[in-house]
C-alpha atoms as a PDB file:
ATOM      1  CA  MET A   1     147.950  94.337  89.650  1.00  0.00           C
ATOM      2  CA  PRO A   2     146.553  92.432  87.120  1.00  0.00           C
ATOM      3  CA  ARG A   3     143.951  93.349  84.602  1.00  0.00           C
ATOM      4  CA  TRP A   4     140.832  91.033  83.961  1.00  0.00           C
ATOM      5  CA  LYS A   5     140.513  89.811  80.409  1.00  0.00           C
ATOM      6  CA  ARG A   6     137.721  91.462  78.820  1.00  0.00           C
ATOM      7  CA  PRO A   7     135.073  89.039  76.771  1.00  0.00           C
ATOM      8  CA  HIS A   8     135.142  89.432  73.109  1.00  0.00           C
ATOM      9  CA  ALA A   9     132.299  91.122  71.577  1.00  0.00           C
ATOM     10  CA  ASN A  10     130.351  88.766  69.386  1.00  0.00           C
ATOM     11  CA  HIS A  11     129.197  90.697  66.652  1.00  0.00           C
ATOM     12  CA  GLU A  12     127.018  88.622  64.566  1.00  0.00           C
ATOM     13  CA  LEU A  13     125.125  88.242  67.901  1.00  0.00           C
ATOM     14  CA  ARG A  14     124.870  91.728  68.500  1.00  0.00           C
ATOM     15  CA  ALA A  15     124.320  93.009  65.130  1.00  0.00           C
ATOM     16  CA  ASP A  16     121.420  90.328  64.614  1.00  0.00           C
ATOM     17  CA  ASP A  17     119.996  91.761  68.053  1.00  0.00           C
ATOM     18  CA  CYS A  18     120.519  95.472  66.796  1.00  0.00           C
ATOM     19  CA  ARG A  19     118.457  94.396  63.390  1.00  0.00           C
ATOM     20  CA  ARG A  20     115.496  92.454  65.636  1.00  0.00           C
ATOM     21  CA  HIS A  21     115.121  95.784  67.588  1.00  0.00           C
ATOM     22  CA  PRO A  22     115.700  98.926  65.587  1.00  0.00           C
ATOM     23  CA  GLY A  23     116.214 102.292  67.122  1.00  0.00           C
ATOM     24  CA  VAL A  24     117.304 100.531  70.275  1.00  0.00           C
ATOM     25  CA  TRP A  25     121.045 100.935  71.921  1.00  0.00           C
ATOM     26  CA  ILE A  26     122.222  97.616  72.630  1.00  0.00           C
ATOM     27  CA  GLU A  27     125.489  97.408  74.360  1.00  0.00           C
ATOM     28  CA  ILE A  28     128.401  95.507  71.898  1.00  0.00           C
ATOM     29  CA  GLY A  29     130.355  95.183  74.783  1.00  0.00           C
ATOM     30  CA  PRO A  30     133.188  96.636  77.275  1.00  0.00           C
ATOM     31  CA  TYR A  31     136.665  98.009  75.684  1.00  0.00           C
ATOM     32  CA  SER A  32     139.728  98.645  77.687  1.00  0.00           C
ATOM     33  CA  SER A  33     140.079 101.986  76.312  1.00  0.00           C
ATOM     34  CA  GLY A  34     138.255 105.137  74.595  1.00  0.00           C
ATOM     35  CA  TYR A  35     140.475 104.599  71.632  1.00  0.00           C
ATOM     36  CA  SER A  36     139.512 101.008  71.091  1.00  0.00           C
ATOM     37  CA  ALA A  37     135.925 101.370  71.316  1.00  0.00           C
ATOM     38  CA  LYS A  38     135.618 104.706  69.293  1.00  0.00           C
ATOM     39  CA  SER A  39     137.767 102.310  66.662  1.00  0.00           C
ATOM     40  CA  THR A  40     135.186  99.619  66.587  1.00  0.00           C
ATOM     41  CA  ALA A  41     132.587 102.283  66.623  1.00  0.00           C
ATOM     42  CA  ARG A  42     133.824 103.766  63.613  1.00  0.00           C
ATOM     43  CA  HIS A  43     134.128 100.726  61.898  1.00  0.00           C
ATOM     44  CA  ILE A  44     130.542  99.420  62.371  1.00  0.00           C
ATOM     45  CA  ASN A  45     129.404 103.105  61.296  1.00  0.00           C
ATOM     46  CA  HIS A  46     131.172 102.223  57.857  1.00  0.00           C
ATOM     47  CA  GLY A  47     129.926  98.503  57.525  1.00  0.00           C
ATOM     48  CA  THR A  48     133.871  97.641  57.339  1.00  0.00           C
ATOM     49  CA  LEU A  49     134.186  95.792  60.824  1.00  0.00           C
ATOM     50  CA  SER A  50     132.146  92.565  59.376  1.00  0.00           C
ATOM     51  CA  HIS A  51     129.566  91.671  56.935  1.00  0.00           C
ATOM     52  CA  HIS A  52     127.538  91.749  60.116  1.00  0.00           C
ATOM     53  CA  TYR A  53     127.185  95.408  59.710  1.00  0.00           C
ATOM     54  CA  ALA A  54     126.532  96.073  56.015  1.00  0.00           C
ATOM     55  CA  PRO A  55     125.449  98.102  54.597  1.00  0.00           C
ATOM     56  CA  ALA A  56     127.777 101.060  55.679  1.00  0.00           C
ATOM     57  CA  GLY A  57     125.168 103.744  57.569  1.00  0.00           C
ATOM     58  CA  ALA A  58     122.289 101.000  58.915  1.00  0.00           C
ATOM     59  CA  PHE A  59     123.995 101.186  62.284  1.00  0.00           C
ATOM     60  CA  GLU A  60     124.739 104.301  64.130  1.00  0.00           C
ATOM     61  CA  THR A  61     126.885 104.015  67.704  1.00  0.00           C
ATOM     62  CA  ARG A  62     127.792 105.731  70.713  1.00  0.00           C
ATOM     63  CA  VAL A  63     130.757 105.166  73.303  1.00  0.00           C
ATOM     64  CA  ASP A  64     130.462 105.846  76.829  1.00  0.00           C
ATOM     65  CA  LEU A  65     133.622 106.116  78.761  1.00  0.00           C
ATOM     66  CA  THR A  66     133.565 104.375  81.919  1.00  0.00           C
ATOM     67  CA  ASP A  67     136.027 104.007  85.077  1.00  0.00           C
ATOM     68  CA  THR A  68     137.318 101.000  83.393  1.00  0.00           C
ATOM     69  CA  GLY A  69     137.719 101.821  80.061  1.00  0.00           C
ATOM     70  CA  ALA A  70     134.515 102.129  77.757  1.00  0.00           C
ATOM     71  CA  THR A  71     131.243 100.171  76.907  1.00  0.00           C
ATOM     72  CA  LEU A  72     130.027 100.335  72.991  1.00  0.00           C
ATOM     73  CA  TYR A  73     126.083 100.525  71.793  1.00  0.00           C
ATOM     74  CA  ALA A  74     125.110 100.407  68.873  1.00  0.00           C
ATOM     75  CA  ARG A  75     121.660 100.599  66.904  1.00  0.00           C
ATOM     76  CA  TYR A  76     120.415  99.465  63.599  1.00  0.00           C
ATOM     77  CA  ILE A  77     118.372 102.718  61.951  1.00  0.00           C
ATOM     78  CA  GLY A  78     117.927 101.034  58.352  1.00  0.00           C
ATOM     79  CA  ASP A  79     119.412 100.076  55.360  1.00  0.00           C
ATOM     80  CA  THR A  80     120.495 103.644  53.667  1.00  0.00           C
ATOM     81  CA  ALA A  81     120.766 102.356  50.488  1.00  0.00           C
END
């Protein structure tokens, strides 16, 4: 059975959405595995995925496991610097 290709997350758009709605969980996107979602979440939390999520600690994340993988959410909690 062929797997469907998941769309790539537009991290610039998602980070901007989070900043416009501080404290609100925004869906970053679906992932094929919990591991890949958690890895991306770690990079968002550390501000190392892209400059859009900088500085480190400005975003928090959560990963919800699904029947087909996982969904990553993030929210902007403010610049901690």
